[in-house]
Amino acid sequence: MDVNLVVLDATVKTKSGQIMANLKKEDFEVREDGIAKKVELFSRDELPLNVALVLDLSDSIGPFLGPLRDAAATTLAALKPEDEVALFTFSTEAELRVPLTKDKTKIAGQINSFKAGGATNINDGIFAAAEYLLTAEPKGRRVIILISDDVGTDAGGQGTRDIVTETIAADAAVYNLKIPGYNPPATRFAASMIPGLVNIHKVMDQTGGEIFDVQNVANLDAVFSALIERIKTRYTLGYYTSANGAEGKPHKLDVRLAPSFGTKGRNYVVLTKSGYYFR
């Protein structure tokens, strides 16, 4: 019987939000479509990272580009030499600015050259990054970091379901560095009336990501650094499955801890992707 290796990343927190940092392979239980699977692969910050930064360049972000450049230069330097970073931008349209590279200084340098302007097409920004990571080499642990005030004004061509599907296919988790953009109340109200805007919280929930809220631009560097540290400390789990994609349906995943840790949702929280499917 042919088997395939399924790999997933997971963050585990106590109910109060503290990271559970010293778990072992035997502490985890994984179920695929309700069937228990044996965890064969286990590591923490050992496999290389592929990080796609997705930067909002709409009008409301302009005043924050300088601090973002400085924060990116400091924060990305904390990644390991073998980790790679790509840079996407979006306003009315999404664009790949820097393909995956180990040279993190290229990212800050590019941000320094940008000028803000246009609409806020978050949908296509996330989708473009997921589409790119789906075929990018080398394959590492994949993360998309959305840097935006999250006030979309253009729904683009892809809806929430398509974005979740593409992101899960790329084995990527979506994180959100939410910055305090300049948006008058009228702009926020108008954005709330636009149909088809991506549900960012749903995308993060389905892919195992989190939101890091920069409530004051003075804290941008610290919050960005905390996000990168969180990504670095995710657990990587792998198991073998006989599923091969011929059935043409997604497979549901459930990751929890051994019974001695209590009840999932009551005593602890696991952030990971909700499922997978083969392409």
Protein backbone atom coordinates (compact mmCIF):
# COMPACT_ATOMS: atom_id res chain seq x y z
CA MET A 1 0.00 0.00 0.00
CA ASP A 2 1.35 3.45 -0.95
CA VAL A 3 1.65 5.93 1.90
CA ASN A 4 2.20 9.68 2.03
CA LEU A 5 3.75 11.81 4.74
CA VAL A 6 1.49 14.53 6.12
CA VAL A 7 3.35 17.33 7.92
CA LEU A 8 1.74 20.03 10.05
CA ASP A 9 2.85 22.76 12.42
CA ALA A 10 1.13 23.45 15.73
CA THR A 11 1.24 26.02 18.50
CA VAL A 12 -0.01 24.89 21.91
CA LYS A 13 -1.10 27.37 24.57
CA THR A 14 -2.67 27.12 27.98
CA LYS A 15 -6.18 28.47 28.30
CA SER A 16 -4.68 31.67 29.72
CA GLY A 17 -2.52 32.11 26.61
CA GLN A 18 0.87 30.89 27.83
CA ILE A 19 2.95 28.90 25.33
CA MET A 20 3.47 25.24 26.27
CA ALA A 21 7.11 25.05 25.28
CA ASN A 22 8.50 21.71 26.41
CA LEU A 23 6.16 19.13 24.95
CA LYS A 24 7.45 15.80 23.58
CA LYS A 25 6.34 13.66 20.66
CA GLU A 26 4.43 11.30 22.94
CA ASP A 27 2.42 14.22 24.32
CA PHE A 28 0.62 14.69 20.99
CA GLU A 29 -2.32 12.82 19.47
CA VAL A 30 -3.27 13.28 15.81
CA ARG A 31 -6.46 12.11 14.12
CA GLU A 32 -7.21 12.16 10.41
CA ASP A 33 -10.92 11.94 9.64
CA GLY A 34 -11.42 10.66 13.18
CA ILE A 35 -8.80 7.89 12.90
CA ALA A 36 -5.79 7.99 15.25
CA LYS A 37 -2.40 8.31 13.55
CA LYS A 38 1.06 7.60 14.94
CA VAL A 39 3.29 10.67 15.08
CA GLU A 40 6.48 9.68 13.24
CA LEU A 41 8.09 13.10 12.73
CA PHE A 42 8.59 15.58 15.56
CA SER A 43 10.73 18.70 15.84
CA ARG A 44 10.72 22.28 17.02
CA ASP A 45 12.39 25.02 14.98
CA GLU A 46 14.61 22.51 13.19
CA LEU A 47 13.20 22.62 9.66
CA PRO A 48 13.82 25.78 7.58
CA LEU A 49 11.12 28.44 7.29
CA ASN A 50 9.64 29.89 4.11
CA VAL A 51 8.06 33.22 5.11
CA ALA A 52 5.96 35.32 2.73
CA LEU A 53 5.46 38.88 3.96
CA VAL A 54 2.31 40.39 2.46
CA LEU A 55 2.50 44.16 2.89
CA ASP A 56 -0.44 46.54 2.56
CA LEU A 57 0.52 49.58 0.44
CA SER A 58 -2.86 51.30 0.43
CA ASP A 59 -3.21 54.99 1.28
CA SER A 60 -3.93 54.38 4.96
CA ILE A 61 -0.55 52.68 5.51
CA GLY A 62 1.70 55.44 4.17
CA PRO A 63 2.73 56.96 7.53
CA PHE A 64 3.82 53.55 8.84
CA LEU A 65 6.19 52.45 6.05
CA GLY A 66 9.26 53.95 7.73
CA PRO A 67 8.72 52.19 11.06
CA LEU A 68 7.84 48.99 9.18
CA ARG A 69 11.13 49.10 7.28
CA ASP A 70 13.09 49.52 10.51
CA ALA A 71 11.13 46.76 12.27
CA ALA A 72 11.62 44.38 9.33
CA ALA A 73 15.38 44.97 9.30
CA THR A 74 15.66 44.19 13.01
CA THR A 75 13.14 41.38 13.26
CA LEU A 76 14.01 39.34 10.17
CA ALA A 77 17.64 39.25 11.28
CA ALA A 78 16.48 36.95 14.09
CA LEU A 79 15.61 34.23 11.58
CA LYS A 80 18.13 31.47 10.94
CA PRO A 81 20.53 31.81 7.97
CA GLU A 82 18.77 28.99 6.11
CA ASP A 83 15.31 30.55 6.52
CA GLU A 84 13.97 32.31 3.42
CA VAL A 85 11.69 35.32 3.07
CA ALA A 86 9.63 36.57 0.13
CA LEU A 87 7.90 39.95 -0.12
CA PHE A 88 4.51 40.66 -1.66
CA THR A 89 2.70 43.98 -1.71
CA PHE A 90 -0.89 44.84 -2.43
CA SER A 91 -3.06 47.88 -2.85
CA THR A 92 -5.46 47.65 -5.78
CA GLU A 93 -3.46 44.66 -7.09
CA ALA A 94 -1.07 42.14 -5.54
CA GLU A 95 2.55 41.87 -6.70
CA LEU A 96 5.58 39.71 -5.88
CA ARG A 97 8.43 42.11 -5.13
CA VAL A 98 11.15 39.78 -3.82
CA PRO A 99 11.14 35.98 -4.41
CA LEU A 100 12.21 33.71 -1.56
CA THR A 101 15.71 34.68 -0.49
CA LYS A 102 18.07 34.01 2.40
CA ASP A 103 19.24 37.64 2.17
CA LYS A 104 16.83 39.29 4.61
CA THR A 105 18.39 42.74 4.03
CA LYS A 106 16.74 42.80 0.59
CA ILE A 107 13.33 42.92 2.22
CA ALA A 108 13.93 46.05 4.31
CA GLY A 109 15.65 47.68 1.35
CA GLN A 110 12.62 47.12 -0.86
CA ILE A 111 10.19 48.44 1.76
CA ASN A 112 12.25 51.64 1.89
CA SER A 113 11.51 52.27 -1.81
CA PHE A 114 7.73 51.89 -1.67
CA LYS A 115 5.12 54.63 -1.88
CA ALA A 116 1.60 54.04 -0.58
CA GLY A 117 -1.52 54.55 -2.68
CA GLY A 118 -4.61 52.81 -4.01
CA ALA A 119 -7.27 50.50 -2.63
CA THR A 120 -6.88 47.68 -0.07
CA ASN A 121 -7.16 44.32 -1.83
CA ILE A 122 -6.30 41.97 1.03
CA ASN A 123 -7.98 39.03 -0.71
CA ASP A 124 -5.59 38.91 -3.64
CA GLY A 125 -2.58 39.68 -1.44
CA ILE A 126 -3.01 36.55 0.67
CA PHE A 127 -4.04 34.41 -2.30
CA ALA A 128 -1.00 35.46 -4.37
CA ALA A 129 1.35 34.50 -1.53
CA ALA A 130 -0.33 31.12 -1.04
CA GLU A 131 -0.27 30.42 -4.78
CA TYR A 132 3.44 31.23 -4.87
CA LEU A 133 4.35 29.09 -1.85
CA LEU A 134 2.40 26.16 -3.30
CA THR A 135 5.03 25.69 -6.01
CA ALA A 136 8.07 27.37 -4.44
CA GLU A 137 11.30 25.49 -3.76
CA PRO A 138 12.79 24.54 -1.43
CA LYS A 139 9.89 23.31 0.63
CA GLY A 140 10.13 24.29 4.28
CA ARG A 141 7.70 25.25 7.01
CA ARG A 142 5.52 27.87 5.39
CA VAL A 143 4.09 31.02 6.91
CA ILE A 144 2.26 33.99 5.41
CA ILE A 145 2.46 37.21 7.43
CA LEU A 146 -0.21 39.75 6.49
CA ILE A 147 0.91 43.27 7.46
CA SER A 148 -2.15 45.49 7.23
CA ASP A 149 -4.71 47.56 9.11
CA ASP A 150 -7.21 44.93 7.90
CA VAL A 151 -9.64 47.50 6.48
CA GLY A 152 -10.30 46.05 3.04
CA THR A 153 -11.80 48.23 0.32
CA ASP A 154 -11.52 45.84 -2.65
CA ALA A 155 -12.65 42.19 -2.58
CA GLY A 156 -10.44 41.21 -5.52
CA GLY A 157 -11.03 37.97 -7.38
CA GLN A 158 -10.84 35.40 -4.57
CA GLY A 159 -13.21 34.78 -1.67
CA THR A 160 -12.50 33.45 1.81
CA ARG A 161 -13.15 29.82 0.84
CA ASP A 162 -10.73 30.01 -2.11
CA ILE A 163 -8.09 31.68 0.04
CA VAL A 164 -8.38 29.05 2.78
CA THR A 165 -8.24 26.24 0.21
CA GLU A 166 -5.14 27.64 -1.51
CA THR A 167 -3.39 28.37 1.77
CA ILE A 168 -4.00 24.88 3.17
CA ALA A 169 -2.84 23.39 -0.15
CA ALA A 170 0.39 25.37 0.27
CA ASP A 171 0.79 24.04 3.85
CA ALA A 172 0.97 27.64 5.06
CA ALA A 173 -0.29 29.26 8.25
CA VAL A 174 -1.51 32.85 8.00
CA TYR A 175 -0.43 35.30 10.69
CA ASN A 176 -1.58 38.90 10.89
CA LEU A 177 0.56 41.82 12.04
CA LYS A 178 -2.27 44.31 12.43
CA ILE A 179 -1.05 47.89 12.32
CA PRO A 180 -3.05 51.03 13.19
CA GLY A 181 -3.61 52.50 9.74
CA TYR A 182 -5.23 55.88 9.20
CA ASN A 183 -8.89 55.19 8.41
CA PRO A 184 -11.60 57.76 9.19
CA PRO A 185 -14.92 56.35 10.51
CA ALA A 186 -16.56 56.87 7.11
CA THR A 187 -13.93 54.66 5.45
CA ARG A 188 -14.40 51.90 8.00
CA PHE A 189 -18.16 52.02 7.61
CA ALA A 190 -17.92 51.87 3.81
CA ALA A 191 -15.52 48.91 4.05
CA SER A 192 -17.98 47.03 6.26
CA MET A 193 -20.57 47.21 3.47
CA ILE A 194 -18.39 45.71 0.71
CA PRO A 195 -19.41 42.11 -0.12
CA GLY A 196 -16.79 39.40 -0.53
CA LEU A 197 -14.03 40.85 1.65
CA VAL A 198 -11.88 38.12 3.15
CA ASN A 199 -12.69 36.99 6.68
CA ILE A 200 -9.17 37.25 8.09
CA HIS A 201 -10.06 35.63 11.39
CA LYS A 202 -11.51 32.59 9.61
CA VAL A 203 -8.38 32.22 7.45
CA MET A 204 -6.16 32.31 10.54
CA ASP A 205 -8.40 29.88 12.42
CA GLN A 206 -8.46 27.36 9.54
CA THR A 207 -4.70 27.54 8.89
CA GLY A 208 -3.44 27.70 12.50
CA GLY A 209 -2.24 31.30 12.54
CA GLU A 210 -2.74 34.15 14.98
CA ILE A 211 -3.24 37.91 15.06
CA PHE A 212 -0.64 40.19 16.64
CA ASP A 213 -2.22 43.60 17.18
CA VAL A 214 0.08 46.64 17.07
CA GLN A 215 -2.11 49.10 18.94
CA ASN A 216 0.63 51.73 19.08
CA VAL A 217 3.25 52.19 16.36
CA ALA A 218 5.87 52.66 19.09
CA ASN A 219 5.41 48.97 19.89
CA LEU A 220 5.75 47.79 16.27
CA ASP A 221 9.27 46.40 16.64
CA ALA A 222 8.42 44.46 19.81
CA VAL A 223 5.18 43.00 18.44
CA PHE A 224 6.78 42.04 15.11
CA SER A 225 9.60 40.33 17.03
CA ALA A 226 7.08 38.45 19.18
CA LEU A 227 5.33 37.21 16.03
CA ILE A 228 8.57 35.89 14.55
CA GLU A 229 9.47 34.17 17.83
CA ARG A 230 6.04 32.52 17.90
CA ILE A 231 6.55 31.15 14.39
CA LYS A 232 9.99 29.80 15.29
CA THR A 233 8.65 27.89 18.29
CA ARG A 234 5.86 25.98 16.57
CA TYR A 235 5.97 22.19 16.81
CA THR A 236 6.31 20.22 13.58
CA LEU A 237 4.47 16.89 13.50
CA GLY A 238 4.34 14.28 10.76
CA TYR A 239 2.47 11.03 10.20
CA TYR A 240 1.90 8.61 7.34
CA THR A 241 -1.44 8.17 5.60
CA SER A 242 -2.77 5.91 2.89
CA ALA A 243 -4.85 8.79 1.49
CA ASN A 244 -3.61 9.81 -1.94
CA GLY A 245 -6.05 12.37 -3.29
CA ALA A 246 -7.88 9.95 -5.56
CA GLU A 247 -11.01 10.40 -3.46
CA GLY A 248 -10.96 14.11 -4.32
CA LYS A 249 -11.96 15.41 -0.91
CA PRO A 250 -10.27 17.25 1.96
CA HIS A 251 -9.20 15.34 5.06
CA LYS A 252 -10.06 16.71 8.49
CA LEU A 253 -7.31 16.97 11.10
CA ASP A 254 -7.63 17.00 14.87
CA VAL A 255 -4.52 17.59 16.98
CA ARG A 256 -4.70 17.36 20.75
CA LEU A 257 -2.58 16.45 23.75
CA ALA A 258 -2.62 13.24 25.76
CA PRO A 259 -5.49 12.93 28.28
CA SER A 260 -3.18 13.78 31.19
CA PHE A 261 -3.10 17.40 29.94
CA GLY A 262 -6.85 17.78 30.35
CA THR A 263 -9.47 18.68 27.76
CA LYS A 264 -8.74 20.53 24.53
CA GLY A 265 -10.49 23.87 24.54
CA ARG A 266 -10.93 23.83 28.31
CA ASN A 267 -7.37 23.31 29.56
CA TYR A 268 -5.33 24.15 26.46
CA VAL A 269 -5.62 25.36 22.87
CA VAL A 270 -3.96 23.91 19.75
CA LEU A 271 -3.46 26.18 16.74
CA THR A 272 -2.94 24.20 13.55
CA LYS A 273 -4.53 23.73 10.15
CA SER A 274 -8.00 22.21 10.16
CA GLY A 275 -7.31 19.76 7.36
CA TYR A 276 -5.44 19.09 4.13
CA TYR A 277 -5.91 17.71 0.66
CA PHE A 278 -3.61 16.51 -2.09
CA ARG A 279 -3.02 18.40 -5.30
